[in-house]
Amino acid sequence: MDTAGRLLRLLSLLQSRRDWSGPDLADRLGVTVRTVRRDVERLRALGYPVSASVGVTGGYRLGAGATLPPLLLDDEEAVAVAVGLHGAAGGAVAGIGEAALRALGKLGQVLPSRLRHRLDTLAHAVVAVPPRPGPAVDPGTLTAVSAAIRAAETLRFDYVDHHGRDSRRAVQPHRLVLRGRRWYLVGWDVERDDWRTFRADRIRVRVPNGPRFGHREPPDGDVTAYLNRSLDRDVWAYRPVLRVHAPAARIVGRVDGTVTPIDDRTCRLELCTESFDLVVLVICLLDADVTVESPPELAHHLHRLAPRLAAA
């Protein structure tokens, strides 16, 4: 392997792991430890901040800095980044789509022709379904929340719930979770002394952060399981309950809801939604008689729609 190729290989190794010993690098590159030292000096001369330490646990580490040249990506990594940028162009973070397209354009300019051909082939073969419109979260909010999670500092913010009510919260943030096109914060609400879930697009962070805290074990043993459960309980504006005059086996899997058998010919369907109009669609899809058990507002909504549907 020539010197240039060896330097690229060395840089790739340093990027793949935090710490490397000289003998480990020498073994991977098939050279002596002395050659590794010389190659490290060459990387430093090119602007890569490679630090070295001595002793039993000594070795090399690639640092981060404002003058760090572009990362080295192999073919598969470059394609993966490009595909990810394609997906991010329709993401749920405000402004991220434009930034992703700019980054994708820059990446395309430096990719070798063989990789550009692979990406062009993918672009022509794949048709993306436009994402459903939804609230976009400010990237500054995600950054502030992430920093509080890493520093284990209590997050102070104003929050607007799904009923439009304002509140001021003090939360020990645990994790940010992306579910569908929405970002959620899962954390321990200090005043309510319990776990809570918050829509990130409804958070307005206040500064400075509150006191530091010790991280707790996630609820349900898994933060995503807790999020799914809490969304059904807390986040949705409406939780209608329908009595469906059909066997439960006929309804299970046809709609996204909880189906509970009442008897051999009847079951109860519990839904979570932000709009009664979506419940109307579900009722039409069920192809069975339905009785609204709750809330009364849903029954009134159906009565108002009945003349319009009959006229249509």
C-alpha atoms as a PDB file:
ATOM      1  CA  MET A   1       0.000   0.000   0.000  1.00  0.00           C
ATOM      2  CA  ASP A   2       1.402   3.415  -0.974  1.00  0.00           C
ATOM      3  CA  THR A   3       1.705   6.268   1.514  1.00  0.00           C
ATOM      4  CA  ALA A   4      -1.447   8.106   0.375  1.00  0.00           C
ATOM      5  CA  GLY A   5      -3.554   4.969   0.548  1.00  0.00           C
ATOM      6  CA  ARG A   6      -2.124   4.107   3.948  1.00  0.00           C
ATOM      7  CA  LEU A   7      -2.947   7.585   5.291  1.00  0.00           C
ATOM      8  CA  LEU A   8      -6.553   7.240   4.136  1.00  0.00           C
ATOM      9  CA  ARG A   9      -6.760   3.833   5.781  1.00  0.00           C
ATOM     10  CA  LEU A  10      -5.244   5.212   8.996  1.00  0.00           C
ATOM     11  CA  LEU A  11      -7.716   8.110   9.023  1.00  0.00           C
ATOM     12  CA  SER A  12     -10.594   5.717   8.517  1.00  0.00           C
ATOM     13  CA  LEU A  13      -9.431   3.589  11.464  1.00  0.00           C
ATOM     14  CA  LEU A  14      -9.082   6.635  13.728  1.00  0.00           C
ATOM     15  CA  GLN A  15     -12.618   7.710  12.846  1.00  0.00           C
ATOM     16  CA  SER A  16     -14.077   4.267  13.541  1.00  0.00           C
ATOM     17  CA  ARG A  17     -12.994   4.050  17.187  1.00  0.00           C
ATOM     18  CA  ARG A  18     -12.232   6.559  19.937  1.00  0.00           C
ATOM     19  CA  ASP A  19      -8.822   5.219  21.024  1.00  0.00           C
ATOM     20  CA  TRP A  20      -6.187   3.149  19.236  1.00  0.00           C
ATOM     21  CA  SER A  21      -2.869   1.859  20.490  1.00  0.00           C
ATOM     22  CA  GLY A  22       0.182   2.114  18.242  1.00  0.00           C
ATOM     23  CA  PRO A  23       0.619  -1.665  17.958  1.00  0.00           C
ATOM     24  CA  ASP A  24      -3.071  -2.136  17.056  1.00  0.00           C
ATOM     25  CA  LEU A  25      -2.812   0.416  14.258  1.00  0.00           C
ATOM     26  CA  ALA A  26       0.452  -1.085  13.049  1.00  0.00           C
ATOM     27  CA  ASP A  27      -1.134  -4.528  12.935  1.00  0.00           C
ATOM     28  CA  ARG A  28      -4.156  -3.271  10.984  1.00  0.00           C
ATOM     29  CA  LEU A  29      -1.981  -1.395   8.489  1.00  0.00           C
ATOM     30  CA  GLY A  30       0.715  -4.048   8.177  1.00  0.00           C
ATOM     31  CA  VAL A  31       3.507  -1.643   9.089  1.00  0.00           C
ATOM     32  CA  THR A  32       5.770  -0.926  12.058  1.00  0.00           C
ATOM     33  CA  VAL A  33       4.843   1.237  15.045  1.00  0.00           C
ATOM     34  CA  ARG A  34       7.480   3.712  13.891  1.00  0.00           C
ATOM     35  CA  THR A  35       5.717   4.058  10.533  1.00  0.00           C
ATOM     36  CA  VAL A  36       2.453   4.690  12.366  1.00  0.00           C
ATOM     37  CA  ARG A  37       4.111   7.542  14.269  1.00  0.00           C
ATOM     38  CA  ARG A  38       5.354   9.077  11.016  1.00  0.00           C
ATOM     39  CA  ASP A  39       1.920   8.743   9.396  1.00  0.00           C
ATOM     40  CA  VAL A  40       0.269  10.392  12.396  1.00  0.00           C
ATOM     41  CA  GLU A  41       2.626  13.337  11.959  1.00  0.00           C
ATOM     42  CA  ARG A  42       1.630  13.533   8.290  1.00  0.00           C
ATOM     43  CA  LEU A  43      -2.059  13.665   9.274  1.00  0.00           C
ATOM     44  CA  ARG A  44      -1.342  16.457  11.738  1.00  0.00           C
ATOM     45  CA  ALA A  45       0.417  18.392   9.006  1.00  0.00           C
ATOM     46  CA  LEU A  46      -2.741  18.067   6.892  1.00  0.00           C
ATOM     47  CA  GLY A  47      -4.821  19.601   9.690  1.00  0.00           C
ATOM     48  CA  TYR A  48      -6.199  16.512  11.427  1.00  0.00           C
ATOM     49  CA  PRO A  49      -5.932  16.947  15.231  1.00  0.00           C
ATOM     50  CA  VAL A  50      -4.569  13.537  16.272  1.00  0.00           C
ATOM     51  CA  SER A  51      -3.609  13.447  19.943  1.00  0.00           C
ATOM     52  CA  ALA A  52      -1.155  10.949  21.426  1.00  0.00           C
ATOM     53  CA  SER A  53      -0.628   9.767  24.994  1.00  0.00           C
ATOM     54  CA  VAL A  54       2.119   7.638  26.527  1.00  0.00           C
ATOM     55  CA  GLY A  55       2.092   4.911  29.146  1.00  0.00           C
ATOM     56  CA  VAL A  56       0.362   1.557  29.519  1.00  0.00           C
ATOM     57  CA  THR A  57      -2.961   2.933  28.312  1.00  0.00           C
ATOM     58  CA  GLY A  58      -1.423   5.297  25.782  1.00  0.00           C
ATOM     59  CA  GLY A  59      -2.393   5.547  22.157  1.00  0.00           C
ATOM     60  CA  TYR A  60      -3.870   7.772  19.475  1.00  0.00           C
ATOM     61  CA  ARG A  61      -7.184   9.626  19.272  1.00  0.00           C
ATOM     62  CA  LEU A  62      -8.702  11.748  16.501  1.00  0.00           C
ATOM     63  CA  GLY A  63      -9.973  14.955  18.067  1.00  0.00           C
ATOM     64  CA  ALA A  64     -12.645  17.372  16.931  1.00  0.00           C
ATOM     65  CA  GLY A  65     -12.011  20.985  16.005  1.00  0.00           C
ATOM     66  CA  ALA A  66     -13.132  23.883  13.852  1.00  0.00           C
ATOM     67  CA  THR A  67     -10.426  23.136  11.276  1.00  0.00           C
ATOM     68  CA  LEU A  68     -11.133  19.413  11.003  1.00  0.00           C
ATOM     69  CA  PRO A  69     -11.213  18.484   7.281  1.00  0.00           C
ATOM     70  CA  PRO A  70     -14.160  16.521   5.869  1.00  0.00           C
ATOM     71  CA  LEU A  71     -14.783  13.048   7.235  1.00  0.00           C
ATOM     72  CA  LEU A  72     -13.572  10.089   5.234  1.00  0.00           C
ATOM     73  CA  LEU A  73     -16.390   7.835   4.054  1.00  0.00           C
ATOM     74  CA  ASP A  74     -16.105   4.539   2.252  1.00  0.00           C
ATOM     75  CA  ASP A  75     -18.468   3.713  -0.625  1.00  0.00           C
ATOM     76  CA  GLU A  76     -21.212   2.123   1.465  1.00  0.00           C
ATOM     77  CA  GLU A  77     -21.072   4.902   4.076  1.00  0.00           C
ATOM     78  CA  ALA A  78     -21.320   7.595   1.412  1.00  0.00           C
ATOM     79  CA  VAL A  79     -24.385   5.947  -0.149  1.00  0.00           C
ATOM     80  CA  ALA A  80     -25.965   5.534   3.297  1.00  0.00           C
ATOM     81  CA  VAL A  81     -25.440   9.231   4.077  1.00  0.00           C
ATOM     82  CA  ALA A  82     -26.935  10.270   0.741  1.00  0.00           C
ATOM     83  CA  VAL A  83     -29.996   8.058   1.215  1.00  0.00           C
ATOM     84  CA  GLY A  84     -30.426   9.443   4.725  1.00  0.00           C
ATOM     85  CA  LEU A  85     -30.268  13.007   3.409  1.00  0.00           C
ATOM     86  CA  HIS A  86     -32.939  12.160   0.820  1.00  0.00           C
ATOM     87  CA  GLY A  87     -35.198  11.007   3.651  1.00  0.00           C
ATOM     88  CA  ALA A  88     -34.383  13.993   5.865  1.00  0.00           C
ATOM     89  CA  ALA A  89     -35.485  16.385   3.117  1.00  0.00           C
ATOM     90  CA  GLY A  90     -39.073  15.664   4.152  1.00  0.00           C
ATOM     91  CA  GLY A  91     -38.386  15.524   7.866  1.00  0.00           C
ATOM     92  CA  ALA A  92     -40.272  16.866  10.862  1.00  0.00           C
ATOM     93  CA  VAL A  93     -37.640  19.414  11.915  1.00  0.00           C
ATOM     94  CA  ALA A  94     -38.176  23.003  10.750  1.00  0.00           C
ATOM     95  CA  GLY A  95     -35.650  23.989   8.083  1.00  0.00           C
ATOM     96  CA  ILE A  96     -34.017  20.558   7.972  1.00  0.00           C
ATOM     97  CA  GLY A  97     -35.330  19.790   4.491  1.00  0.00           C
ATOM     98  CA  GLU A  98     -33.533  22.711   2.877  1.00  0.00           C
ATOM     99  CA  ALA A  99     -30.344  21.982   4.833  1.00  0.00           C
ATOM    100  CA  ALA A 100     -30.508  18.304   3.823  1.00  0.00           C
ATOM    101  CA  LEU A 101     -30.842  19.240   0.144  1.00  0.00           C
ATOM    102  CA  ARG A 102     -27.866  21.608   0.396  1.00  0.00           C
ATOM    103  CA  ALA A 103     -25.775  18.907   2.055  1.00  0.00           C
ATOM    104  CA  LEU A 104     -26.877  16.381  -0.556  1.00  0.00           C
ATOM    105  CA  GLY A 105     -25.794  18.744  -3.322  1.00  0.00           C
ATOM    106  CA  LYS A 106     -22.368  19.182  -1.743  1.00  0.00           C
ATOM    107  CA  LEU A 107     -21.998  15.439  -1.283  1.00  0.00           C
ATOM    108  CA  GLY A 108     -22.906  14.835  -4.907  1.00  0.00           C
ATOM    109  CA  GLN A 109     -20.129  17.145  -6.058  1.00  0.00           C
ATOM    110  CA  VAL A 110     -17.416  15.124  -4.317  1.00  0.00           C
ATOM    111  CA  LEU A 111     -18.713  11.600  -4.913  1.00  0.00           C
ATOM    112  CA  PRO A 112     -16.876   9.547  -7.529  1.00  0.00           C
ATOM    113  CA  SER A 113     -18.800   8.845 -10.699  1.00  0.00           C
ATOM    114  CA  ARG A 114     -19.487   5.203  -9.796  1.00  0.00           C
ATOM    115  CA  LEU A 115     -21.318   6.291  -6.617  1.00  0.00           C
ATOM    116  CA  ARG A 116     -23.196   9.107  -8.350  1.00  0.00           C
ATOM    117  CA  HIS A 117     -24.449   6.494 -10.805  1.00  0.00           C
ATOM    118  CA  ARG A 118     -25.714   4.305  -7.936  1.00  0.00           C
ATOM    119  CA  LEU A 119     -27.539   7.243  -6.348  1.00  0.00           C
ATOM    120  CA  ASP A 120     -29.024   8.336  -9.696  1.00  0.00           C
ATOM    121  CA  THR A 121     -30.289   4.790 -10.219  1.00  0.00           C
ATOM    122  CA  LEU A 122     -31.888   4.818  -6.776  1.00  0.00           C
ATOM    123  CA  ALA A 123     -33.441   8.244  -7.351  1.00  0.00           C
ATOM    124  CA  HIS A 124     -35.047   7.106 -10.623  1.00  0.00           C
ATOM    125  CA  ALA A 125     -36.347   3.842  -9.167  1.00  0.00           C
ATOM    126  CA  VAL A 126     -37.846   5.170  -5.929  1.00  0.00           C
ATOM    127  CA  VAL A 127     -41.003   7.250  -5.637  1.00  0.00           C
ATOM    128  CA  ALA A 128     -41.433   8.967  -2.284  1.00  0.00           C
ATOM    129  CA  VAL A 129     -44.916   9.435  -0.864  1.00  0.00           C
ATOM    130  CA  PRO A 130     -45.226  13.073   0.242  1.00  0.00           C
ATOM    131  CA  PRO A 131     -45.378  13.216   4.043  1.00  0.00           C
ATOM    132  CA  ARG A 132     -48.633  14.160   5.669  1.00  0.00           C
ATOM    133  CA  PRO A 133     -48.601  17.774   6.835  1.00  0.00           C
ATOM    134  CA  GLY A 134     -47.752  18.087  10.478  1.00  0.00           C
ATOM    135  CA  PRO A 135     -46.119  20.366  13.007  1.00  0.00           C
ATOM    136  CA  ALA A 136     -42.388  20.899  12.615  1.00  0.00           C
ATOM    137  CA  VAL A 137     -40.173  21.303  15.663  1.00  0.00           C
ATOM    138  CA  ASP A 138     -37.596  24.067  15.935  1.00  0.00           C
ATOM    139  CA  PRO A 139     -34.096  22.529  15.687  1.00  0.00           C
ATOM    140  CA  GLY A 140     -33.027  24.877  18.483  1.00  0.00           C
ATOM    141  CA  THR A 141     -35.533  23.176  20.765  1.00  0.00           C
ATOM    142  CA  LEU A 142     -34.126  19.740  19.955  1.00  0.00           C
ATOM    143  CA  THR A 143     -30.595  21.017  20.594  1.00  0.00           C
ATOM    144  CA  ALA A 144     -31.524  22.586  23.934  1.00  0.00           C
ATOM    145  CA  VAL A 145     -33.391  19.494  25.105  1.00  0.00           C
ATOM    146  CA  SER A 146     -30.575  17.184  23.991  1.00  0.00           C
ATOM    147  CA  ALA A 147     -28.019  19.295  25.852  1.00  0.00           C
ATOM    148  CA  ALA A 148     -30.096  19.126  29.028  1.00  0.00           C
ATOM    149  CA  ILE A 149     -30.359  15.335  28.708  1.00  0.00           C
ATOM    150  CA  ARG A 150     -26.612  14.980  28.291  1.00  0.00           C
ATOM    151  CA  ALA A 151     -25.795  17.357  31.150  1.00  0.00           C
ATOM    152  CA  ALA A 152     -28.505  15.817  33.396  1.00  0.00           C
ATOM    153  CA  GLU A 153     -29.957  19.277  34.050  1.00  0.00           C
ATOM    154  CA  THR A 154     -33.608  19.970  34.815  1.00  0.00           C
ATOM    155  CA  LEU A 155     -35.325  21.473  31.783  1.00  0.00           C
ATOM    156  CA  ARG A 156     -37.576  24.492  32.336  1.00  0.00           C
ATOM    157  CA  PHE A 157     -40.118  25.265  29.610  1.00  0.00           C
ATOM    158  CA  ASP A 158     -43.555  26.627  28.749  1.00  0.00           C
ATOM    159  CA  TYR A 159     -45.908  24.038  27.309  1.00  0.00           C
ATOM    160  CA  VAL A 160     -49.202  24.113  25.405  1.00  0.00           C
ATOM    161  CA  ASP A 161     -51.222  20.880  25.683  1.00  0.00           C
ATOM    162  CA  HIS A 162     -53.647  19.505  23.087  1.00  0.00           C
ATOM    163  CA  HIS A 163     -56.494  21.524  24.639  1.00  0.00           C
ATOM    164  CA  GLY A 164     -54.539  24.758  24.161  1.00  0.00           C
ATOM    165  CA  ARG A 165     -53.837  25.213  27.864  1.00  0.00           C
ATOM    166  CA  ASP A 166     -50.553  26.871  28.845  1.00  0.00           C
ATOM    167  CA  SER A 167     -48.405  25.655  31.728  1.00  0.00           C
ATOM    168  CA  ARG A 168     -44.878  26.075  33.008  1.00  0.00           C
ATOM    169  CA  ARG A 169     -43.002  22.828  33.581  1.00  0.00           C
ATOM    170  CA  ALA A 170     -39.825  21.661  35.287  1.00  0.00           C
ATOM    171  CA  VAL A 171     -38.824  18.265  33.884  1.00  0.00           C
ATOM    172  CA  GLN A 172     -35.850  15.977  34.288  1.00  0.00           C
ATOM    173  CA  PRO A 173     -35.442  15.025  30.606  1.00  0.00           C
ATOM    174  CA  HIS A 174     -34.752  11.381  29.836  1.00  0.00           C
ATOM    175  CA  ARG A 175     -34.938  10.894  26.045  1.00  0.00           C
ATOM    176  CA  LEU A 176     -36.155  12.473  22.821  1.00  0.00           C
ATOM    177  CA  VAL A 177     -38.141  10.015  20.707  1.00  0.00           C
ATOM    178  CA  LEU A 178     -39.076  10.368  17.036  1.00  0.00           C
ATOM    179  CA  ARG A 179     -42.385   8.608  16.359  1.00  0.00           C
ATOM    180  CA  GLY A 180     -43.715   8.956  12.844  1.00  0.00           C
ATOM    181  CA  ARG A 181     -43.221  12.636  11.975  1.00  0.00           C
ATOM    182  CA  ARG A 182     -43.359  13.926  15.530  1.00  0.00           C
ATOM    183  CA  TRP A 183     -40.748  14.412  18.230  1.00  0.00           C
ATOM    184  CA  TYR A 184     -41.593  13.681  21.864  1.00  0.00           C
ATOM    185  CA  LEU A 185     -39.771  14.363  25.109  1.00  0.00           C
ATOM    186  CA  VAL A 186     -40.090  11.715  27.812  1.00  0.00           C
ATOM    187  CA  GLY A 187     -39.072  12.917  31.252  1.00  0.00           C
ATOM    188  CA  TRP A 188     -39.799  13.060  34.985  1.00  0.00           C
ATOM    189  CA  ASP A 189     -42.136  15.951  35.819  1.00  0.00           C
ATOM    190  CA  VAL A 190     -40.762  17.366  39.075  1.00  0.00           C
ATOM    191  CA  GLU A 191     -43.981  19.012  40.298  1.00  0.00           C
ATOM    192  CA  ARG A 192     -46.242  16.103  39.359  1.00  0.00           C
ATOM    193  CA  ASP A 193     -43.749  13.556  40.683  1.00  0.00           C
ATOM    194  CA  ASP A 194     -44.325  11.238  37.736  1.00  0.00           C
ATOM    195  CA  TRP A 195     -43.229  10.444  34.195  1.00  0.00           C
ATOM    196  CA  ARG A 196     -44.759  12.564  31.450  1.00  0.00           C
ATOM    197  CA  THR A 197     -44.628  12.821  27.650  1.00  0.00           C
ATOM    198  CA  PHE A 198     -44.462  16.166  25.817  1.00  0.00           C
ATOM    199  CA  ARG A 199     -44.749  17.087  22.139  1.00  0.00           C
ATOM    200  CA  ALA A 200     -41.477  18.817  21.273  1.00  0.00           C
ATOM    201  CA  ASP A 201     -43.160  21.249  18.860  1.00  0.00           C
ATOM    202  CA  ARG A 202     -45.234  22.566  21.796  1.00  0.00           C
ATOM    203  CA  ILE A 203     -42.206  23.231  24.023  1.00  0.00           C
ATOM    204  CA  ARG A 204     -40.762  26.732  24.502  1.00  0.00           C
ATOM    205  CA  VAL A 205     -37.520  26.297  26.425  1.00  0.00           C
ATOM    206  CA  ARG A 206     -36.687  28.759  29.218  1.00  0.00           C
ATOM    207  CA  VAL A 207     -33.139  29.569  30.313  1.00  0.00           C
ATOM    208  CA  PRO A 208     -31.194  28.831  32.348  1.00  0.00           C
ATOM    209  CA  ASN A 209     -31.741  25.159  33.085  1.00  0.00           C
ATOM    210  CA  GLY A 210     -32.568  23.988  36.591  1.00  0.00           C
ATOM    211  CA  PRO A 211     -30.486  21.858  38.979  1.00  0.00           C
ATOM    212  CA  ARG A 212     -28.685  18.669  37.984  1.00  0.00           C
ATOM    213  CA  PHE A 213     -30.292  15.289  38.691  1.00  0.00           C
ATOM    214  CA  GLY A 214     -29.530  11.587  38.658  1.00  0.00           C
ATOM    215  CA  HIS A 215     -31.023   9.664  35.744  1.00  0.00           C
ATOM    216  CA  ARG A 216     -33.849   7.267  36.628  1.00  0.00           C
ATOM    217  CA  GLU A 217     -34.630   3.895  35.139  1.00  0.00           C
ATOM    218  CA  PRO A 218     -36.983   4.386  32.183  1.00  0.00           C
ATOM    219  CA  PRO A 219     -40.668   3.625  32.775  1.00  0.00           C
ATOM    220  CA  ASP A 220     -41.927   0.216  31.650  1.00  0.00           C
ATOM    221  CA  GLY A 221     -38.260  -0.737  31.292  1.00  0.00           C
ATOM    222  CA  ASP A 222     -38.258   0.810  27.827  1.00  0.00           C
ATOM    223  CA  VAL A 223     -38.864   4.437  26.927  1.00  0.00           C
ATOM    224  CA  THR A 224     -40.503   3.637  23.573  1.00  0.00           C
ATOM    225  CA  ALA A 225     -43.005   1.257  25.199  1.00  0.00           C
ATOM    226  CA  TYR A 226     -43.895   3.957  27.706  1.00  0.00           C
ATOM    227  CA  LEU A 227     -44.277   6.511  24.924  1.00  0.00           C
ATOM    228  CA  ASN A 228     -46.679   4.308  22.988  1.00  0.00           C
ATOM    229  CA  ARG A 229     -48.763   3.730  26.112  1.00  0.00           C
ATOM    230  CA  SER A 230     -48.748   7.364  27.175  1.00  0.00           C
ATOM    231  CA  LEU A 231     -49.777   8.571  23.729  1.00  0.00           C
ATOM    232  CA  ASP A 232     -52.944   6.557  24.028  1.00  0.00           C
ATOM    233  CA  ARG A 233     -53.542   8.000  27.482  1.00  0.00           C
ATOM    234  CA  ASP A 234     -52.401  11.614  27.484  1.00  0.00           C
ATOM    235  CA  VAL A 235     -51.518  13.074  24.102  1.00  0.00           C
ATOM    236  CA  TRP A 236     -54.593  12.588  21.919  1.00  0.00           C
ATOM    237  CA  ALA A 237     -57.348  15.175  22.044  1.00  0.00           C
ATOM    238  CA  TYR A 238     -60.160  12.571  21.971  1.00  0.00           C
ATOM    239  CA  ARG A 239     -60.527   8.965  23.091  1.00  0.00           C
ATOM    240  CA  PRO A 240     -63.904   7.849  21.740  1.00  0.00           C
ATOM    241  CA  VAL A 241     -65.447   4.523  22.682  1.00  0.00           C
ATOM    242  CA  LEU A 242     -67.716   2.711  20.219  1.00  0.00           C
ATOM    243  CA  ARG A 243     -69.918  -0.340  20.673  1.00  0.00           C
ATOM    244  CA  VAL A 244     -69.600  -2.295  17.433  1.00  0.00           C
ATOM    245  CA  HIS A 245     -72.323  -4.778  16.574  1.00  0.00           C
ATOM    246  CA  ALA A 246     -69.958  -7.360  15.128  1.00  0.00           C
ATOM    247  CA  PRO A 247     -67.698 -10.085  16.563  1.00  0.00           C
ATOM    248  CA  ALA A 248     -64.345  -8.864  17.835  1.00  0.00           C
ATOM    249  CA  ALA A 249     -62.538 -11.220  15.454  1.00  0.00           C
ATOM    250  CA  ARG A 250     -64.068  -9.296  12.533  1.00  0.00           C
ATOM    251  CA  ILE A 251     -62.770  -5.946  13.785  1.00  0.00           C
ATOM    252  CA  VAL A 252     -59.299  -6.780  15.092  1.00  0.00           C
ATOM    253  CA  GLY A 253     -56.622  -5.652  12.639  1.00  0.00           C
ATOM    254  CA  ARG A 254     -58.970  -3.552  10.509  1.00  0.00           C
ATOM    255  CA  VAL A 255     -58.483  -0.319  12.458  1.00  0.00           C
ATOM    256  CA  ASP A 256     -55.856   1.089  14.803  1.00  0.00           C
ATOM    257  CA  GLY A 257     -57.592   0.781  18.159  1.00  0.00           C
ATOM    258  CA  THR A 258     -58.225  -1.447  21.170  1.00  0.00           C
ATOM    259  CA  VAL A 259     -60.912  -4.091  20.583  1.00  0.00           C
ATOM    260  CA  THR A 260     -62.535  -5.829  23.557  1.00  0.00           C
ATOM    261  CA  PRO A 261     -65.163  -8.584  23.113  1.00  0.00           C
ATOM    262  CA  ILE A 262     -68.500  -8.003  24.843  1.00  0.00           C
ATOM    263  CA  ASP A 263     -70.218 -11.170  23.629  1.00  0.00           C
ATOM    264  CA  ASP A 264     -70.185 -13.371  20.540  1.00  0.00           C
ATOM    265  CA  ARG A 265     -71.820 -10.690  18.375  1.00  0.00           C
ATOM    266  CA  THR A 266     -70.655  -7.413  19.925  1.00  0.00           C
ATOM    267  CA  CYS A 267     -67.362  -5.749  20.858  1.00  0.00           C
ATOM    268  CA  ARG A 268     -66.092  -2.447  22.197  1.00  0.00           C
ATOM    269  CA  LEU A 269     -63.656  -0.323  20.157  1.00  0.00           C
ATOM    270  CA  GLU A 270     -61.524   2.340  21.866  1.00  0.00           C
ATOM    271  CA  LEU A 271     -59.826   4.879  19.620  1.00  0.00           C
ATOM    272  CA  CYS A 272     -57.354   7.754  20.046  1.00  0.00           C
ATOM    273  CA  THR A 273     -57.609  10.652  17.635  1.00  0.00           C
ATOM    274  CA  GLU A 274     -57.253  14.385  17.157  1.00  0.00           C
ATOM    275  CA  SER A 275     -60.366  14.702  14.995  1.00  0.00           C
ATOM    276  CA  PHE A 276     -63.900  13.313  15.089  1.00  0.00           C
ATOM    277  CA  ASP A 277     -63.825  13.280  11.277  1.00  0.00           C
ATOM    278  CA  LEU A 278     -61.293  10.432  11.434  1.00  0.00           C
ATOM    279  CA  VAL A 279     -63.723   8.493  13.627  1.00  0.00           C
ATOM    280  CA  VAL A 280     -66.368   8.947  10.921  1.00  0.00           C
ATOM    281  CA  LEU A 281     -64.019   7.318   8.425  1.00  0.00           C
ATOM    282  CA  VAL A 282     -63.419   4.419  10.825  1.00  0.00           C
ATOM    283  CA  ILE A 283     -67.147   3.889  11.269  1.00  0.00           C
ATOM    284  CA  CYS A 284     -67.608   3.738   7.497  1.00  0.00           C
ATOM    285  CA  LEU A 285     -64.761   1.215   7.161  1.00  0.00           C
ATOM    286  CA  LEU A 286     -66.157  -1.117   9.805  1.00  0.00           C
ATOM    287  CA  ASP A 287     -69.182  -2.147   7.704  1.00  0.00           C
ATOM    288  CA  ALA A 288     -71.186  -2.765  10.884  1.00  0.00           C
ATOM    289  CA  ASP A 289     -73.728  -0.964  13.043  1.00  0.00           C
ATOM    290  CA  VAL A 290     -72.101   1.215  15.682  1.00  0.00           C
ATOM    291  CA  THR A 291     -73.291   2.867  18.889  1.00  0.00           C
ATOM    292  CA  VAL A 292     -71.360   5.771  20.363  1.00  0.00           C
ATOM    293  CA  GLU A 293     -70.695   5.176  24.052  1.00  0.00           C
ATOM    294  CA  SER A 294     -68.535   8.270  24.595  1.00  0.00           C
ATOM    295  CA  PRO A 295     -67.990  11.152  24.319  1.00  0.00           C
ATOM    296  CA  PRO A 296     -71.395  12.789  23.708  1.00  0.00           C
ATOM    297  CA  GLU A 297     -69.726  15.354  21.433  1.00  0.00           C
ATOM    298  CA  LEU A 298     -68.998  12.588  18.917  1.00  0.00           C
ATOM    299  CA  ALA A 299     -72.687  11.664  18.698  1.00  0.00           C
ATOM    300  CA  HIS A 300     -73.573  15.336  18.118  1.00  0.00           C
ATOM    301  CA  HIS A 301     -70.900  15.526  15.408  1.00  0.00           C
ATOM    302  CA  LEU A 302     -72.410  12.521  13.620  1.00  0.00           C
ATOM    303  CA  HIS A 303     -75.890  14.083  13.784  1.00  0.00           C
ATOM    304  CA  ARG A 304     -74.581  17.271  12.171  1.00  0.00           C
ATOM    305  CA  LEU A 305     -72.898  15.292   9.393  1.00  0.00           C
ATOM    306  CA  ALA A 306     -75.875  13.044   8.635  1.00  0.00           C
ATOM    307  CA  PRO A 307     -77.802  15.513   6.398  1.00  0.00           C
ATOM    308  CA  ARG A 308     -74.658  16.374   4.422  1.00  0.00           C
ATOM    309  CA  LEU A 309     -73.841  12.704   3.846  1.00  0.00           C
ATOM    310  CA  ALA A 310     -77.428  11.903   2.874  1.00  0.00           C
ATOM    311  CA  ALA A 311     -77.465  14.807   0.405  1.00  0.00           C
ATOM    312  CA  ALA A 312     -74.217  13.597  -1.141  1.00  0.00           C
END
